[in-house]
PDB file of N, CA and C in Angstrom:
ATOM      1  N   MET A   1      19.548  -0.606  -3.003  1.00  0.00           N
ATOM      2  CA  MET A   1      18.264  -0.811  -2.294  1.00  0.00           C
ATOM      3  C   MET A   1      18.495  -2.579  -1.415  1.00  0.00           C
ATOM      4  N   ALA A   2      17.893  -2.497   0.010  1.00  0.00           N
ATOM      5  CA  ALA A   2      18.570  -3.737   0.511  1.00  0.00           C
ATOM      6  C   ALA A   2      17.984  -5.211  -0.185  1.00  0.00           C
ATOM      7  N   PRO A   3      18.409  -6.277  -0.176  1.00  0.00           N
ATOM      8  CA  PRO A   3      17.590  -7.248  -0.838  1.00  0.00           C
ATOM      9  C   PRO A   3      16.862  -7.693  -0.106  1.00  0.00           C
ATOM     10  N   LEU A   4      15.555  -8.025   0.424  1.00  0.00           N
ATOM     11  CA  LEU A   4      13.899  -8.475   0.343  1.00  0.00           C
ATOM     12  C   LEU A   4      14.242 -10.231   2.005  1.00  0.00           C
ATOM     13  N   PRO A   5      14.050  -9.947   2.602  1.00  0.00           N
ATOM     14  CA  PRO A   5      14.329 -10.720   3.615  1.00  0.00           C
ATOM     15  C   PRO A   5      13.312 -12.291   2.687  1.00  0.00           C
ATOM     16  N   ASN A   6      13.822 -13.079   3.236  1.00  0.00           N
ATOM     17  CA  ASN A   6      12.730 -14.328   3.083  1.00  0.00           C
ATOM     18  C   ASN A   6      12.123 -14.677   4.102  1.00  0.00           C
ATOM     19  N   VAL A   7      10.491 -14.903   3.504  1.00  0.00           N
ATOM     20  CA  VAL A   7       9.578 -14.870   4.491  1.00  0.00           C
ATOM     21  C   VAL A   7       9.129 -16.801   3.812  1.00  0.00           C
ATOM     22  N   PRO A   8       8.511 -16.889   5.014  1.00  0.00           N
ATOM     23  CA  PRO A   8       8.068 -18.550   4.002  1.00  0.00           C
ATOM     24  C   PRO A   8       6.547 -17.768   3.950  1.00  0.00           C
ATOM     25  N   ALA A   9       6.518 -19.673   2.751  1.00  0.00           N
ATOM     26  CA  ALA A   9       4.808 -18.716   2.599  1.00  0.00           C
ATOM     27  C   ALA A   9       3.459 -19.752   3.884  1.00  0.00           C
ATOM     28  N   GLU A  10       2.537 -18.716   3.497  1.00  0.00           N
ATOM     29  CA  GLU A  10       2.350 -18.754   4.554  1.00  0.00           C
ATOM     30  C   GLU A  10       0.684 -20.187   4.219  1.00  0.00           C
ATOM     31  N   PRO A  11       0.514 -20.868   5.285  1.00  0.00           N
ATOM     32  CA  PRO A  11      -0.432 -21.996   4.985  1.00  0.00           C
ATOM     33  C   PRO A  11      -1.472 -21.615   3.589  1.00  0.00           C
ATOM     34  N   ARG A  12      -2.646 -22.435   2.835  1.00  0.00           N
ATOM     35  CA  ARG A  12      -3.791 -22.315   2.487  1.00  0.00           C
ATOM     36  C   ARG A  12      -4.017 -22.787   2.793  1.00  0.00           C
ATOM     37  N   ASP A  13      -5.171 -21.449   3.662  1.00  0.00           N
ATOM     38  CA  ASP A  13      -6.206 -21.299   4.648  1.00  0.00           C
ATOM     39  C   ASP A  13      -7.641 -20.374   4.270  1.00  0.00           C
ATOM     40  N   ASP A  14      -9.009 -21.537   4.984  1.00  0.00           N
ATOM     41  CA  ASP A  14      -9.919 -20.894   4.471  1.00  0.00           C
ATOM     42  C   ASP A  14     -10.120 -20.202   5.823  1.00  0.00           C
ATOM     43  N   LEU A  15     -10.040 -18.872   5.648  1.00  0.00           N
ATOM     44  CA  LEU A  15      -9.716 -18.268   7.223  1.00  0.00           C
ATOM     45  C   LEU A  15     -11.355 -18.173   7.229  1.00  0.00           C
ATOM     46  N   GLY A  16     -12.618 -18.261   6.665  1.00  0.00           N
ATOM     47  CA  GLY A  16     -13.774 -17.941   7.225  1.00  0.00           C
ATOM     48  C   GLY A  16     -14.411 -19.463   7.784  1.00  0.00           C
ATOM     49  N   ALA A  17     -13.451 -20.699   8.242  1.00  0.00           N
ATOM     50  CA  ALA A  17     -13.629 -21.370   8.303  1.00  0.00           C
ATOM     51  C   ALA A  17     -13.873 -21.983   9.906  1.00  0.00           C
ATOM     52  N   TYR A  18     -12.766 -20.720  10.695  1.00  0.00           N
ATOM     53  CA  TYR A  18     -13.011 -20.161  12.013  1.00  0.00           C
ATOM     54  C   TYR A  18     -13.831 -19.995  12.290  1.00  0.00           C
ATOM     55  N   LEU A  19     -14.742 -18.867  11.325  1.00  0.00           N
ATOM     56  CA  LEU A  19     -15.856 -18.327  11.599  1.00  0.00           C
ATOM     57  C   LEU A  19     -16.634 -19.246  12.946  1.00  0.00           C
ATOM     58  N   GLY A  20     -16.854 -18.695  14.407  1.00  0.00           N
ATOM     59  CA  GLY A  20     -18.235 -19.232  15.247  1.00  0.00           C
ATOM     60  C   GLY A  20     -17.853 -20.678  15.691  1.00  0.00           C
ATOM     61  N   LEU A  21     -16.394 -20.685  15.949  1.00  0.00           N
ATOM     62  CA  LEU A  21     -15.904 -21.742  16.675  1.00  0.00           C
ATOM     63  C   LEU A  21     -15.428 -21.224  17.938  1.00  0.00           C
ATOM     64  N   PRO A  22     -15.158 -22.637  18.855  1.00  0.00           N
ATOM     65  CA  PRO A  22     -15.000 -21.787  20.280  1.00  0.00           C
ATOM     66  C   PRO A  22     -13.466 -21.453  19.815  1.00  0.00           C
ATOM     67  N   VAL A  23     -12.302 -20.467  21.089  1.00  0.00           N
ATOM     68  CA  VAL A  23     -11.327 -20.183  20.519  1.00  0.00           C
ATOM     69  C   VAL A  23     -10.568 -20.576  20.507  1.00  0.00           C
ATOM     70  N   HIS A  24     -10.754 -21.711  21.638  1.00  0.00           N
ATOM     71  CA  HIS A  24      -9.571 -22.644  22.077  1.00  0.00           C
ATOM     72  C   HIS A  24      -9.804 -23.798  20.445  1.00  0.00           C
ATOM     73  N   THR A  25     -10.734 -23.718  20.072  1.00  0.00           N
ATOM     74  CA  THR A  25     -11.097 -24.652  18.726  1.00  0.00           C
ATOM     75  C   THR A  25     -10.013 -24.364  17.913  1.00  0.00           C
ATOM     76  N   ALA A  26     -10.746 -23.720  17.436  1.00  0.00           N
ATOM     77  CA  ALA A  26      -9.604 -21.855  16.352  1.00  0.00           C
ATOM     78  C   ALA A  26      -7.875 -22.153  16.023  1.00  0.00           C
ATOM     79  N   GLU A  27      -8.141 -22.467  17.498  1.00  0.00           N
ATOM     80  CA  GLU A  27      -6.610 -21.426  18.340  1.00  0.00           C
ATOM     81  C   GLU A  27      -6.098 -23.343  17.440  1.00  0.00           C
ATOM     82  N   GLN A  28      -5.674 -24.049  17.917  1.00  0.00           N
ATOM     83  CA  GLN A  28      -5.932 -25.705  18.375  1.00  0.00           C
ATOM     84  C   GLN A  28      -5.147 -25.793  15.904  1.00  0.00           C
ATOM     85  N   ARG A  29      -6.540 -26.254  15.566  1.00  0.00           N
ATOM     86  CA  ARG A  29      -6.969 -26.203  14.072  1.00  0.00           C
ATOM     87  C   ARG A  29      -5.297 -25.154  13.766  1.00  0.00           C
ATOM     88  N   ALA A  30      -5.680 -23.909  13.436  1.00  0.00           N
ATOM     89  CA  ALA A  30      -4.932 -23.200  12.699  1.00  0.00           C
ATOM     90  C   ALA A  30      -3.346 -23.556  13.173  1.00  0.00           C
ATOM     91  N   ARG A  31      -2.577 -23.824  14.947  1.00  0.00           N
ATOM     92  CA  ARG A  31      -1.608 -24.317  15.096  1.00  0.00           C
ATOM     93  C   ARG A  31      -1.382 -25.738  13.876  1.00  0.00           C
ATOM     94  N   GLU A  32      -2.059 -26.058  13.953  1.00  0.00           N
ATOM     95  CA  GLU A  32      -2.357 -27.421  13.757  1.00  0.00           C
ATOM     96  C   GLU A  32      -1.851 -27.514  12.145  1.00  0.00           C
ATOM     97  N   ARG A  33      -3.066 -26.507  11.316  1.00  0.00           N
ATOM     98  CA  ARG A  33      -2.831 -26.465   9.793  1.00  0.00           C
ATOM     99  C   ARG A  33      -1.893 -25.511   8.886  1.00  0.00           C
ATOM    100  N   GLY A  34      -0.270 -25.454  10.582  1.00  0.00           N
ATOM    101  CA  GLY A  34       0.667 -24.489  10.011  1.00  0.00           C
ATOM    102  C   GLY A  34       0.726 -23.284  10.130  1.00  0.00           C
ATOM    103  N   TRP A  35      -0.439 -22.132  11.185  1.00  0.00           N
ATOM    104  CA  TRP A  35      -0.136 -20.976  11.961  1.00  0.00           C
ATOM    105  C   TRP A  35       1.286 -21.204  12.143  1.00  0.00           C
ATOM    106  N   PRO A  36       2.533 -20.611  12.668  1.00  0.00           N
ATOM    107  CA  PRO A  36       2.878 -20.570  13.269  1.00  0.00           C
ATOM    108  C   PRO A  36       2.760 -19.588  14.976  1.00  0.00           C
ATOM    109  N   GLN A  37       1.761 -19.138  14.106  1.00  0.00           N
ATOM    110  CA  GLN A  37       1.715 -17.684  15.639  1.00  0.00           C
ATOM    111  C   GLN A  37       0.273 -17.017  15.527  1.00  0.00           C
ATOM    112  N   VAL A  38      -0.406 -17.476  16.509  1.00  0.00           N
ATOM    113  CA  VAL A  38      -2.274 -17.638  16.180  1.00  0.00           C
ATOM    114  C   VAL A  38      -3.005 -15.873  17.215  1.00  0.00           C
ATOM    115  N   ARG A  39      -3.117 -15.426  17.704  1.00  0.00           N
ATOM    116  CA  ARG A  39      -3.461 -14.103  18.394  1.00  0.00           C
ATOM    117  C   ARG A  39      -4.810 -13.836  18.594  1.00  0.00           C
ATOM    118  N   THR A  40      -5.047 -14.680  19.555  1.00  0.00           N
ATOM    119  CA  THR A  40      -6.615 -13.797  20.073  1.00  0.00           C
ATOM    120  C   THR A  40      -6.597 -12.340  20.676  1.00  0.00           C
ATOM    121  N   LEU A  41      -7.697 -11.496  20.145  1.00  0.00           N
ATOM    122  CA  LEU A  41      -7.862 -10.355  20.973  1.00  0.00           C
ATOM    123  C   LEU A  41      -9.359  -9.927  20.960  1.00  0.00           C
ATOM    124  N   PRO A  42      -9.811  -9.408  21.905  1.00  0.00           N
ATOM    125  CA  PRO A  42     -10.948  -9.259  21.736  1.00  0.00           C
ATOM    126  C   PRO A  42     -11.742  -8.053  21.031  1.00  0.00           C
ATOM    127  N   PRO A  43     -13.237  -7.753  21.300  1.00  0.00           N
ATOM    128  CA  PRO A  43     -14.130  -6.510  19.317  1.00  0.00           C
ATOM    129  C   PRO A  43     -13.100  -4.800  20.500  1.00  0.00           C
ATOM    130  N   GLY A  44     -12.368  -5.084  19.565  1.00  0.00           N
ATOM    131  CA  GLY A  44     -11.975  -3.443  19.546  1.00  0.00           C
ATOM    132  C   GLY A  44     -11.167  -3.170  20.295  1.00  0.00           C
ATOM    133  N   ALA A  45     -10.160  -4.128  20.715  1.00  0.00           N
ATOM    134  CA  ALA A  45      -8.819  -4.306  20.859  1.00  0.00           C
ATOM    135  C   ALA A  45      -7.443  -3.008  19.516  1.00  0.00           C
ATOM    136  N   VAL A  46      -6.770  -2.177  20.493  1.00  0.00           N
ATOM    137  CA  VAL A  46      -6.047  -1.377  20.270  1.00  0.00           C
ATOM    138  C   VAL A  46      -4.736  -1.993  19.293  1.00  0.00           C
ATOM    139  N   ILE A  47      -4.498  -2.552  18.079  1.00  0.00           N
ATOM    140  CA  ILE A  47      -2.886  -3.225  17.688  1.00  0.00           C
ATOM    141  C   ILE A  47      -2.244  -2.109  16.328  1.00  0.00           C
ATOM    142  N   THR A  48      -1.101  -2.670  16.659  1.00  0.00           N
ATOM    143  CA  THR A  48      -0.304  -1.762  15.357  1.00  0.00           C
ATOM    144  C   THR A  48      -0.834  -2.502  13.893  1.00  0.00           C
ATOM    145  N   MET A  49      -0.094  -1.810  13.655  1.00  0.00           N
ATOM    146  CA  MET A  49      -1.320  -2.152  11.472  1.00  0.00           C
ATOM    147  C   MET A  49       0.559  -3.478  10.842  1.00  0.00           C
ATOM    148  N   GLU A  50       1.636  -3.170  11.766  1.00  0.00           N
ATOM    149  CA  GLU A  50       2.238  -4.328  10.966  1.00  0.00           C
ATOM    150  C   GLU A  50       1.248  -5.424  11.044  1.00  0.00           C
ATOM    151  N   TYR A  51       2.141  -6.090   9.421  1.00  0.00           N
ATOM    152  CA  TYR A  51       1.936  -7.121   8.861  1.00  0.00           C
ATOM    153  C   TYR A  51       2.523  -8.071   9.008  1.00  0.00           C
ATOM    154  N   ARG A  52       3.364  -8.762   9.208  1.00  0.00           N
ATOM    155  CA  ARG A  52       3.270 -10.314   9.809  1.00  0.00           C
ATOM    156  C   ARG A  52       3.085 -11.450   8.871  1.00  0.00           C
ATOM    157  N   ALA A  53       4.022 -12.417   7.983  1.00  0.00           N
ATOM    158  CA  ALA A  53       4.082 -13.645   7.987  1.00  0.00           C
ATOM    159  C   ALA A  53       3.291 -14.156   8.848  1.00  0.00           C
ATOM    160  N   GLY A  54       2.664 -15.203   8.396  1.00  0.00           N
ATOM    161  CA  GLY A  54       2.499 -16.507   9.449  1.00  0.00           C
ATOM    162  C   GLY A  54       1.403 -16.618  10.570  1.00  0.00           C
ATOM    163  N   ARG A  55       1.061 -14.846  10.975  1.00  0.00           N
ATOM    164  CA  ARG A  55       0.050 -14.979  11.952  1.00  0.00           C
ATOM    165  C   ARG A  55      -0.410 -15.085  11.799  1.00  0.00           C
ATOM    166  N   LEU A  56      -2.235 -15.533  12.187  1.00  0.00           N
ATOM    167  CA  LEU A  56      -3.162 -15.396  12.104  1.00  0.00           C
ATOM    168  C   LEU A  56      -4.151 -15.056  13.220  1.00  0.00           C
ATOM    169  N   ASN A  57      -4.470 -14.033  13.192  1.00  0.00           N
ATOM    170  CA  ASN A  57      -5.236 -12.997  14.096  1.00  0.00           C
ATOM    171  C   ASN A  57      -6.311 -13.206  13.947  1.00  0.00           C
ATOM    172  N   PHE A  58      -7.593 -13.590  15.213  1.00  0.00           N
ATOM    173  CA  PHE A  58      -8.463 -14.023  15.864  1.00  0.00           C
ATOM    174  C   PHE A  58      -9.244 -12.395  17.072  1.00  0.00           C
ATOM    175  N   GLU A  59     -10.657 -12.057  16.349  1.00  0.00           N
ATOM    176  CA  GLU A  59     -11.789 -12.016  16.617  1.00  0.00           C
ATOM    177  C   GLU A  59     -11.586 -12.413  17.858  1.00  0.00           C
ATOM    178  N   ALA A  60     -12.735 -13.008  19.277  1.00  0.00           N
ATOM    179  CA  ALA A  60     -13.313 -13.042  19.831  1.00  0.00           C
ATOM    180  C   ALA A  60     -14.076 -12.325  20.601  1.00  0.00           C
ATOM    181  N   GLU A  61     -15.516 -13.033  20.691  1.00  0.00           N
ATOM    182  CA  GLU A  61     -16.712 -12.671  22.185  1.00  0.00           C
ATOM    183  C   GLU A  61     -17.428 -13.482  22.164  1.00  0.00           C
ATOM    184  N   ASP A  62     -17.571 -13.736  23.755  1.00  0.00           N
ATOM    185  CA  ASP A  62     -18.109 -14.469  24.573  1.00  0.00           C
ATOM    186  C   ASP A  62     -17.602 -16.092  23.761  1.00  0.00           C
ATOM    187  N   GLY A  63     -15.852 -16.522  24.029  1.00  0.00           N
ATOM    188  CA  GLY A  63     -15.677 -17.770  23.540  1.00  0.00           C
ATOM    189  C   GLY A  63     -15.400 -18.009  22.253  1.00  0.00           C
ATOM    190  N   ARG A  64     -16.311 -17.491  21.523  1.00  0.00           N
ATOM    191  CA  ARG A  64     -15.996 -17.762  19.750  1.00  0.00           C
ATOM    192  C   ARG A  64     -15.248 -16.864  18.676  1.00  0.00           C
ATOM    193  N   VAL A  65     -14.798 -17.339  17.787  1.00  0.00           N
ATOM    194  CA  VAL A  65     -14.365 -16.177  16.126  1.00  0.00           C
ATOM    195  C   VAL A  65     -15.092 -15.924  16.059  1.00  0.00           C
ATOM    196  N   LYS A  66     -14.926 -14.629  15.716  1.00  0.00           N
ATOM    197  CA  LYS A  66     -16.546 -13.620  15.344  1.00  0.00           C
ATOM    198  C   LYS A  66     -15.345 -13.162  14.450  1.00  0.00           C
ATOM    199  N   ARG A  67     -14.131 -13.223  13.997  1.00  0.00           N
ATOM    200  CA  ARG A  67     -13.808 -11.902  12.811  1.00  0.00           C
ATOM    201  C   ARG A  67     -11.697 -13.117  12.577  1.00  0.00           C
ATOM    202  N   SER A  68     -11.943 -13.577  11.290  1.00  0.00           N
ATOM    203  CA  SER A  68     -10.331 -14.142  10.815  1.00  0.00           C
ATOM    204  C   SER A  68      -9.340 -13.354   9.931  1.00  0.00           C
ATOM    205  N   TRP A  69      -8.057 -13.088  10.276  1.00  0.00           N
ATOM    206  CA  TRP A  69      -7.564 -12.604   8.622  1.00  0.00           C
ATOM    207  C   TRP A  69      -5.868 -12.959   9.245  1.00  0.00           C
ATOM    208  N   LYS A  70      -5.260 -12.052   8.314  1.00  0.00           N
ATOM    209  CA  LYS A  70      -3.878 -13.243   8.363  1.00  0.00           C
ATOM    210  C   LYS A  70      -2.842 -11.383   8.741  1.00  0.00           C
ATOM    211  N   GLY A  71      -1.842 -12.002   8.989  1.00  0.00           N
ATOM    212  CA  GLY A  71      -1.219 -10.494   9.579  1.00  0.00           C
ATOM    213  C   GLY A  71      -0.554 -10.430  10.999  1.00  0.00           C
TER     214      GLY A  71
END
């Protein structure tokens, strides 16, 4: 069996705290809190289902975060 990759720990963060924030503010705050990758998507965007450690996703509508999740 192949060895497990060395995956860095994700920031300890309250993902619900991003809801309702303007996208720019949420992205900036996420980077300040240690998220190396931040991705913002429109509602209903087609995305792959792979999990990427260290990535924070936002679903945004009308310039505000409506949903946030890791991976």
